[in-house]
Structures are given as C-alpha cells and as structure tokens.
PDB file of N, CA and C in Angstrom:
ATOM      1  N   UNK A   1      13.919 -12.073  -4.810  1.00  0.00           N
ATOM      2  CA  UNK A   1      12.848 -11.489  -5.533  1.00  0.00           C
ATOM      3  C   UNK A   1      13.306 -11.194  -7.009  1.00  0.00           C
ATOM      4  N   UNK A   2      12.506 -11.541  -7.946  1.00  0.00           N
ATOM      5  CA  UNK A   2      12.969 -11.159  -9.383  1.00  0.00           C
ATOM      6  C   UNK A   2      12.772  -9.649  -9.585  1.00  0.00           C
ATOM      7  N   UNK A   3      13.604  -9.077 -10.509  1.00  0.00           N
ATOM      8  CA  UNK A   3      13.637  -7.679 -10.879  1.00  0.00           C
ATOM      9  C   UNK A   3      12.220  -7.499 -11.659  1.00  0.00           C
ATOM     10  N   UNK A   4      11.706  -6.361 -11.359  1.00  0.00           N
ATOM     11  CA  UNK A   4      10.478  -5.930 -11.986  1.00  0.00           C
ATOM     12  C   UNK A   4       9.261  -6.737 -11.276  1.00  0.00           C
ATOM     13  N   UNK A   5       9.428  -7.262 -10.178  1.00  0.00           N
ATOM     14  CA  UNK A   5       8.285  -7.877  -9.249  1.00  0.00           C
ATOM     15  C   UNK A   5       7.163  -6.779  -9.115  1.00  0.00           C
ATOM     16  N   UNK A   6       5.970  -7.023  -9.332  1.00  0.00           N
ATOM     17  CA  UNK A   6       4.881  -6.213  -8.757  1.00  0.00           C
ATOM     18  C   UNK A   6       3.829  -7.078  -8.143  1.00  0.00           C
ATOM     19  N   UNK A   7       3.015  -6.425  -7.483  1.00  0.00           N
ATOM     20  CA  UNK A   7       1.950  -7.167  -6.818  1.00  0.00           C
ATOM     21  C   UNK A   7       0.812  -7.556  -7.745  1.00  0.00           C
ATOM     22  N   UNK A   8       0.824  -7.106  -8.986  1.00  0.00           N
ATOM     23  CA  UNK A   8      -0.393  -7.260  -9.965  1.00  0.00           C
ATOM     24  C   UNK A   8      -0.386  -8.618 -10.272  1.00  0.00           C
ATOM     25  N   UNK A   9       0.581  -9.525 -10.540  1.00  0.00           N
ATOM     26  CA  UNK A   9       0.443 -10.780 -10.777  1.00  0.00           C
ATOM     27  C   UNK A   9      -0.461 -11.695  -9.675  1.00  0.00           C
ATOM     28  N   UNK A  10      -0.262 -11.495  -8.362  1.00  0.00           N
ATOM     29  CA  UNK A  10      -0.848 -11.812  -7.266  1.00  0.00           C
ATOM     30  C   UNK A  10      -2.539 -11.488  -7.462  1.00  0.00           C
ATOM     31  N   UNK A  11      -2.856 -10.358  -7.566  1.00  0.00           N
ATOM     32  CA  UNK A  11      -4.086  -9.872  -7.852  1.00  0.00           C
ATOM     33  C   UNK A  11      -4.908 -10.480  -8.984  1.00  0.00           C
ATOM     34  N   UNK A  12      -4.174 -10.523 -10.065  1.00  0.00           N
ATOM     35  CA  UNK A  12      -4.885 -11.018 -11.257  1.00  0.00           C
ATOM     36  C   UNK A  12      -5.202 -12.568 -10.953  1.00  0.00           C
ATOM     37  N   UNK A  13      -4.079 -13.350 -10.319  1.00  0.00           N
ATOM     38  CA  UNK A  13      -4.297 -14.633 -10.079  1.00  0.00           C
ATOM     39  C   UNK A  13      -5.583 -14.915  -9.221  1.00  0.00           C
ATOM     40  N   UNK A  14      -5.664 -14.034  -8.180  1.00  0.00           N
ATOM     41  CA  UNK A  14      -6.908 -14.116  -7.278  1.00  0.00           C
ATOM     42  C   UNK A  14      -7.998 -13.852  -7.999  1.00  0.00           C
ATOM     43  N   UNK A  15      -8.182 -12.813  -8.964  1.00  0.00           N
ATOM     44  CA  UNK A  15      -9.322 -12.577  -9.857  1.00  0.00           C
ATOM     45  C   UNK A  15      -9.648 -13.785 -10.666  1.00  0.00           C
ATOM     46  N   UNK A  16      -8.749 -14.463 -11.087  1.00  0.00           N
ATOM     47  CA  UNK A  16      -8.770 -15.668 -11.913  1.00  0.00           C
ATOM     48  C   UNK A  16      -9.248 -17.104 -10.995  1.00  0.00           C
ATOM     49  N   UNK A  17      -9.535 -16.911  -9.674  1.00  0.00           N
ATOM     50  CA  UNK A  17      -9.906 -18.013  -8.716  1.00  0.00           C
ATOM     51  C   UNK A  17      -8.782 -18.772  -8.576  1.00  0.00           C
ATOM     52  N   UNK A  18      -7.592 -18.370  -8.635  1.00  0.00           N
ATOM     53  CA  UNK A  18      -6.454 -19.395  -8.351  1.00  0.00           C
ATOM     54  C   UNK A  18      -6.093 -19.401  -6.737  1.00  0.00           C
ATOM     55  N   UNK A  19      -6.661 -18.510  -5.992  1.00  0.00           N
ATOM     56  CA  UNK A  19      -6.396 -18.754  -4.619  1.00  0.00           C
ATOM     57  C   UNK A  19      -6.727 -17.285  -4.026  1.00  0.00           C
ATOM     58  N   UNK A  20      -6.177 -17.132  -2.846  1.00  0.00           N
ATOM     59  CA  UNK A  20      -6.339 -15.881  -1.972  1.00  0.00           C
ATOM     60  C   UNK A  20      -5.112 -15.091  -2.313  1.00  0.00           C
ATOM     61  N   UNK A  21      -5.268 -13.693  -2.097  1.00  0.00           N
ATOM     62  CA  UNK A  21      -4.118 -12.838  -2.135  1.00  0.00           C
ATOM     63  C   UNK A  21      -4.004 -12.081  -1.094  1.00  0.00           C
ATOM     64  N   UNK A  22      -3.127 -11.993  -0.300  1.00  0.00           N
ATOM     65  CA  UNK A  22      -2.870 -11.246   0.957  1.00  0.00           C
ATOM     66  C   UNK A  22      -2.044  -9.921   0.497  1.00  0.00           C
ATOM     67  N   UNK A  23      -2.947  -8.883   0.143  1.00  0.00           N
ATOM     68  CA  UNK A  23      -2.293  -7.466  -0.241  1.00  0.00           C
ATOM     69  C   UNK A  23      -2.812  -6.337   0.383  1.00  0.00           C
ATOM     70  N   UNK A  24      -2.307  -5.252   0.545  1.00  0.00           N
ATOM     71  CA  UNK A  24      -2.751  -4.064   1.241  1.00  0.00           C
ATOM     72  C   UNK A  24      -4.141  -3.782   0.441  1.00  0.00           C
ATOM     73  N   UNK A  25      -5.213  -3.323   1.269  1.00  0.00           N
ATOM     74  CA  UNK A  25      -6.350  -3.124   0.681  1.00  0.00           C
ATOM     75  C   UNK A  25      -6.318  -1.859  -0.179  1.00  0.00           C
ATOM     76  N   UNK A  26      -5.499  -0.803  -0.044  1.00  0.00           N
ATOM     77  CA  UNK A  26      -5.414   0.242  -1.019  1.00  0.00           C
ATOM     78  C   UNK A  26      -4.983  -0.241  -2.323  1.00  0.00           C
ATOM     79  N   UNK A  27      -4.310  -1.205  -2.342  1.00  0.00           N
ATOM     80  CA  UNK A  27      -3.914  -1.838  -3.633  1.00  0.00           C
ATOM     81  C   UNK A  27      -4.995  -2.732  -4.447  1.00  0.00           C
ATOM     82  N   UNK A  28      -5.904  -3.382  -3.497  1.00  0.00           N
ATOM     83  CA  UNK A  28      -6.830  -4.177  -4.065  1.00  0.00           C
ATOM     84  C   UNK A  28      -8.310  -3.384  -4.095  1.00  0.00           C
ATOM     85  N   UNK A  29      -8.315  -2.216  -3.684  1.00  0.00           N
ATOM     86  CA  UNK A  29      -9.831  -1.537  -3.414  1.00  0.00           C
ATOM     87  C   UNK A  29     -10.495  -1.329  -4.792  1.00  0.00           C
ATOM     88  N   UNK A  30      -9.755  -1.053  -5.917  1.00  0.00           N
ATOM     89  CA  UNK A  30     -10.604  -0.971  -7.141  1.00  0.00           C
ATOM     90  C   UNK A  30     -11.204  -2.420  -7.585  1.00  0.00           C
ATOM     91  N   UNK A  31     -10.557  -3.475  -7.312  1.00  0.00           N
ATOM     92  CA  UNK A  31     -11.115  -4.815  -7.576  1.00  0.00           C
ATOM     93  C   UNK A  31     -12.061  -5.334  -6.590  1.00  0.00           C
ATOM     94  N   UNK A  32     -12.034  -4.794  -5.421  1.00  0.00           N
ATOM     95  CA  UNK A  32     -12.888  -4.965  -4.281  1.00  0.00           C
ATOM     96  C   UNK A  32     -14.365  -4.277  -4.655  1.00  0.00           C
ATOM     97  N   UNK A  33     -14.184  -3.145  -5.161  1.00  0.00           N
ATOM     98  CA  UNK A  33     -15.388  -2.181  -5.387  1.00  0.00           C
ATOM     99  C   UNK A  33     -16.091  -2.667  -6.578  1.00  0.00           C
ATOM    100  N   UNK A  34     -15.231  -3.224  -7.678  1.00  0.00           N
ATOM    101  CA  UNK A  34     -16.271  -3.613  -8.783  1.00  0.00           C
ATOM    102  C   UNK A  34     -16.623  -5.080  -8.624  1.00  0.00           C
ATOM    103  N   UNK A  35     -16.221  -5.479  -7.540  1.00  0.00           N
ATOM    104  CA  UNK A  35     -16.596  -7.012  -7.458  1.00  0.00           C
ATOM    105  C   UNK A  35     -15.811  -8.178  -8.031  1.00  0.00           C
ATOM    106  N   UNK A  36     -14.664  -7.716  -8.498  1.00  0.00           N
ATOM    107  CA  UNK A  36     -13.860  -8.998  -9.083  1.00  0.00           C
ATOM    108  C   UNK A  36     -13.227  -9.722  -8.020  1.00  0.00           C
ATOM    109  N   UNK A  37     -13.079  -8.928  -6.904  1.00  0.00           N
ATOM    110  CA  UNK A  37     -12.432  -9.778  -5.645  1.00  0.00           C
ATOM    111  C   UNK A  37     -13.392  -9.307  -4.568  1.00  0.00           C
ATOM    112  N   UNK A  38     -13.453 -10.275  -3.586  1.00  0.00           N
ATOM    113  CA  UNK A  38     -14.083  -9.885  -2.313  1.00  0.00           C
ATOM    114  C   UNK A  38     -13.186 -10.273  -1.017  1.00  0.00           C
ATOM    115  N   UNK A  39     -13.337  -9.659   0.040  1.00  0.00           N
ATOM    116  CA  UNK A  39     -12.584  -9.688   1.157  1.00  0.00           C
ATOM    117  C   UNK A  39     -13.229 -10.951   2.055  1.00  0.00           C
ATOM    118  N   UNK A  40     -12.232 -11.793   2.320  1.00  0.00           N
ATOM    119  CA  UNK A  40     -12.734 -13.116   3.077  1.00  0.00           C
ATOM    120  C   UNK A  40     -12.372 -13.160   4.684  1.00  0.00           C
ATOM    121  N   UNK A  41     -11.544 -11.983   5.043  1.00  0.00           N
ATOM    122  CA  UNK A  41     -10.969 -12.312   6.469  1.00  0.00           C
ATOM    123  C   UNK A  41     -11.152 -10.734   7.174  1.00  0.00           C
ATOM    124  N   UNK A  42     -12.257 -10.037   6.948  1.00  0.00           N
ATOM    125  CA  UNK A  42     -12.429  -8.709   7.559  1.00  0.00           C
ATOM    126  C   UNK A  42     -12.349  -8.944   9.089  1.00  0.00           C
ATOM    127  N   UNK A  43     -12.771  -9.920   9.567  1.00  0.00           N
ATOM    128  CA  UNK A  43     -12.752  -9.964  11.164  1.00  0.00           C
ATOM    129  C   UNK A  43     -11.410 -10.092  11.632  1.00  0.00           C
ATOM    130  N   UNK A  44     -10.464 -10.379  10.768  1.00  0.00           N
ATOM    131  CA  UNK A  44      -9.048 -10.476  11.232  1.00  0.00           C
ATOM    132  C   UNK A  44      -7.978  -9.390  10.894  1.00  0.00           C
ATOM    133  N   UNK A  45      -8.621  -8.489  10.015  1.00  0.00           N
ATOM    134  CA  UNK A  45      -7.877  -7.301   9.397  1.00  0.00           C
ATOM    135  C   UNK A  45      -7.997  -5.934  10.322  1.00  0.00           C
ATOM    136  N   UNK A  46      -6.667  -5.587  10.728  1.00  0.00           N
ATOM    137  CA  UNK A  46      -6.904  -4.251  11.647  1.00  0.00           C
ATOM    138  C   UNK A  46      -6.668  -3.163  10.834  1.00  0.00           C
ATOM    139  N   UNK A  47      -7.275  -2.206  11.020  1.00  0.00           N
ATOM    140  CA  UNK A  47      -6.861  -0.908  10.085  1.00  0.00           C
ATOM    141  C   UNK A  47      -6.176   0.031  10.933  1.00  0.00           C
ATOM    142  N   UNK A  48      -5.573   0.975  10.302  1.00  0.00           N
ATOM    143  CA  UNK A  48      -4.800   1.664  10.949  1.00  0.00           C
ATOM    144  C   UNK A  48      -4.787   3.171  10.246  1.00  0.00           C
ATOM    145  N   UNK A  49      -4.680   4.421  10.884  1.00  0.00           N
ATOM    146  CA  UNK A  49      -4.730   5.573  10.339  1.00  0.00           C
ATOM    147  C   UNK A  49      -3.877   5.906   9.133  1.00  0.00           C
ATOM    148  N   UNK A  50      -2.690   5.311   8.866  1.00  0.00           N
ATOM    149  CA  UNK A  50      -1.978   5.514   7.747  1.00  0.00           C
ATOM    150  C   UNK A  50      -0.453   5.455   8.066  1.00  0.00           C
ATOM    151  N   UNK A  51       0.503   5.883   7.294  1.00  0.00           N
ATOM    152  CA  UNK A  51       1.994   5.670   7.422  1.00  0.00           C
ATOM    153  C   UNK A  51       2.297   6.732   8.325  1.00  0.00           C
ATOM    154  N   UNK A  52       3.389   6.641   8.972  1.00  0.00           N
ATOM    155  CA  UNK A  52       4.256   7.767   9.715  1.00  0.00           C
ATOM    156  C   UNK A  52       5.515   7.687   9.181  1.00  0.00           C
ATOM    157  N   UNK A  53       6.125   9.070   9.398  1.00  0.00           N
ATOM    158  CA  UNK A  53       7.434   9.093   8.913  1.00  0.00           C
ATOM    159  C   UNK A  53       8.297   9.821  10.111  1.00  0.00           C
ATOM    160  N   UNK A  54       9.249   9.338  10.363  1.00  0.00           N
ATOM    161  CA  UNK A  54      10.046   9.771  11.709  1.00  0.00           C
ATOM    162  C   UNK A  54      11.578  10.385  11.032  1.00  0.00           C
ATOM    163  N   UNK A  55      11.674  11.536  11.240  1.00  0.00           N
ATOM    164  CA  UNK A  55      12.974  12.179  10.897  1.00  0.00           C
ATOM    165  C   UNK A  55      13.443  12.745  12.262  1.00  0.00           C
ATOM    166  N   UNK A  56      14.750  12.231  12.666  1.00  0.00           N
ATOM    167  CA  UNK A  56      15.283  12.860  13.818  1.00  0.00           C
ATOM    168  C   UNK A  56      15.702  14.374  13.462  1.00  0.00           C
ATOM    169  N   UNK A  57      15.540  15.271  14.501  1.00  0.00           N
ATOM    170  CA  UNK A  57      15.568  16.822  14.262  1.00  0.00           C
ATOM    171  C   UNK A  57      17.117  17.119  14.528  1.00  0.00           C
ATOM    172  N   UNK A  58      17.934  16.219  15.244  1.00  0.00           N
ATOM    173  CA  UNK A  58      19.293  16.384  15.519  1.00  0.00           C
ATOM    174  C   UNK A  58      20.190  16.356  14.111  1.00  0.00           C
ATOM    175  N   UNK A  59      19.770  15.702  13.314  1.00  0.00           N
ATOM    176  CA  UNK A  59      20.594  15.391  11.930  1.00  0.00           C
ATOM    177  C   UNK A  59      20.041  16.511  10.965  1.00  0.00           C
ATOM    178  N   UNK A  60      21.065  16.764  10.168  1.00  0.00           N
ATOM    179  CA  UNK A  60      20.589  17.753   9.052  1.00  0.00           C
ATOM    180  C   UNK A  60      20.135  17.043   7.813  1.00  0.00           C
ATOM    181  N   UNK A  61      18.833  17.365   7.351  1.00  0.00           N
ATOM    182  CA  UNK A  61      18.324  16.637   6.228  1.00  0.00           C
ATOM    183  C   UNK A  61      18.935  17.086   5.033  1.00  0.00           C
ATOM    184  N   UNK A  62      18.854  16.141   4.099  1.00  0.00           N
ATOM    185  CA  UNK A  62      19.306  16.577   2.738  1.00  0.00           C
ATOM    186  C   UNK A  62      18.322  17.492   2.065  1.00  0.00           C
ATOM    187  N   UNK A  63      18.547  18.277   1.120  1.00  0.00           N
ATOM    188  CA  UNK A  63      17.583  18.934   0.307  1.00  0.00           C
ATOM    189  C   UNK A  63      16.652  18.162  -0.431  1.00  0.00           C
ATOM    190  N   UNK A  64      16.851  17.042  -0.971  1.00  0.00           N
ATOM    191  CA  UNK A  64      15.887  16.176  -1.528  1.00  0.00           C
ATOM    192  C   UNK A  64      14.829  15.641  -0.570  1.00  0.00           C
ATOM    193  N   UNK A  65      15.545  15.147   0.713  1.00  0.00           N
ATOM    194  CA  UNK A  65      14.405  14.744   1.656  1.00  0.00           C
ATOM    195  C   UNK A  65      13.595  15.987   2.184  1.00  0.00           C
ATOM    196  N   UNK A  66      14.256  17.101   2.218  1.00  0.00           N
ATOM    197  CA  UNK A  66      13.155  18.363   2.750  1.00  0.00           C
ATOM    198  C   UNK A  66      12.117  18.631   1.629  1.00  0.00           C
ATOM    199  N   UNK A  67      12.475  18.317   0.417  1.00  0.00           N
ATOM    200  CA  UNK A  67      11.556  18.599  -0.668  1.00  0.00           C
ATOM    201  C   UNK A  67      10.598  17.626  -0.478  1.00  0.00           C
ATOM    202  N   UNK A  68      10.679  16.378  -0.271  1.00  0.00           N
ATOM    203  CA  UNK A  68       9.765  15.337  -0.037  1.00  0.00           C
ATOM    204  C   UNK A  68       8.948  15.464   1.068  1.00  0.00           C
ATOM    205  N   UNK A  69       9.460  16.016   2.324  1.00  0.00           N
ATOM    206  CA  UNK A  69       8.737  16.373   3.454  1.00  0.00           C
ATOM    207  C   UNK A  69       7.690  17.346   3.198  1.00  0.00           C
ATOM    208  N   UNK A  70       8.152  18.397   2.393  1.00  0.00           N
ATOM    209  CA  UNK A  70       7.417  19.672   2.224  1.00  0.00           C
ATOM    210  C   UNK A  70       6.187  19.216   1.243  1.00  0.00           C
ATOM    211  N   UNK A  71       6.296  18.285   0.349  1.00  0.00           N
ATOM    212  CA  UNK A  71       5.265  17.756  -0.711  1.00  0.00           C
ATOM    213  C   UNK A  71       4.281  17.090   0.292  1.00  0.00           C
ATOM    214  N   UNK A  72       4.854  16.048   1.160  1.00  0.00           N
ATOM    215  CA  UNK A  72       3.787  15.392   1.780  1.00  0.00           C
ATOM    216  C   UNK A  72       3.255  16.191   2.925  1.00  0.00           C
ATOM    217  N   UNK A  73       3.652  17.293   3.148  1.00  0.00           N
ATOM    218  CA  UNK A  73       2.875  18.115   4.271  1.00  0.00           C
ATOM    219  C   UNK A  73       1.793  18.901   3.506  1.00  0.00           C
ATOM    220  N   UNK A  74       2.210  19.363   2.249  1.00  0.00           N
ATOM    221  CA  UNK A  74       1.134  19.901   1.300  1.00  0.00           C
ATOM    222  C   UNK A  74      -0.171  19.042   1.056  1.00  0.00           C
ATOM    223  N   UNK A  75       0.299  17.768   0.760  1.00  0.00           N
ATOM    224  CA  UNK A  75      -0.759  16.856   0.190  1.00  0.00           C
ATOM    225  C   UNK A  75      -1.612  16.642   1.433  1.00  0.00           C
ATOM    226  N   UNK A  76      -1.047  16.701   2.677  1.00  0.00           N
ATOM    227  CA  UNK A  76      -2.080  16.411   3.791  1.00  0.00           C
ATOM    228  C   UNK A  76      -2.089  15.050   4.255  1.00  0.00           C
TER     229      UNK A  76
END
C-alpha cells in the first residue's frame, strides 16, 4: 500500500459513478446523507454496537496507554 493512502479516493470515485465503494458507513455517512452516494447492499450489511478494546489486567499498562483509556472512558 502506498504511503499517504486514504479512503477518500475510493469515495470520490464512487461519487463520480466509477463503481461501488466498500467502506465503513461512518466514513461514507456525510455523502449518503446529502445524496451523493446511496447504499445498494443494505440487506447484506450487519451492524454492530461499536469497537471494543481488550487490555489484559495482568500486564502493567504504559502511561500513554492509560491516558488513552481515560480519554475513551470520558468520551463514552
């Protein structure tokens, strides 16, 4: 994968009618809401409640990781 790769070129190609784009809904949501894109496989897309983070309690976490955990907990 090339350096600097982002999902945006895939979304813009789909907006320009060059084909389908298989991307996470949260990335395409603004384009879906304003009508530039439309979903075509809703019946086959499963939803899930969100991402989960596993951190074993036996290992000592770094201070940077602890700051991340605290921020995620506050954010809800």
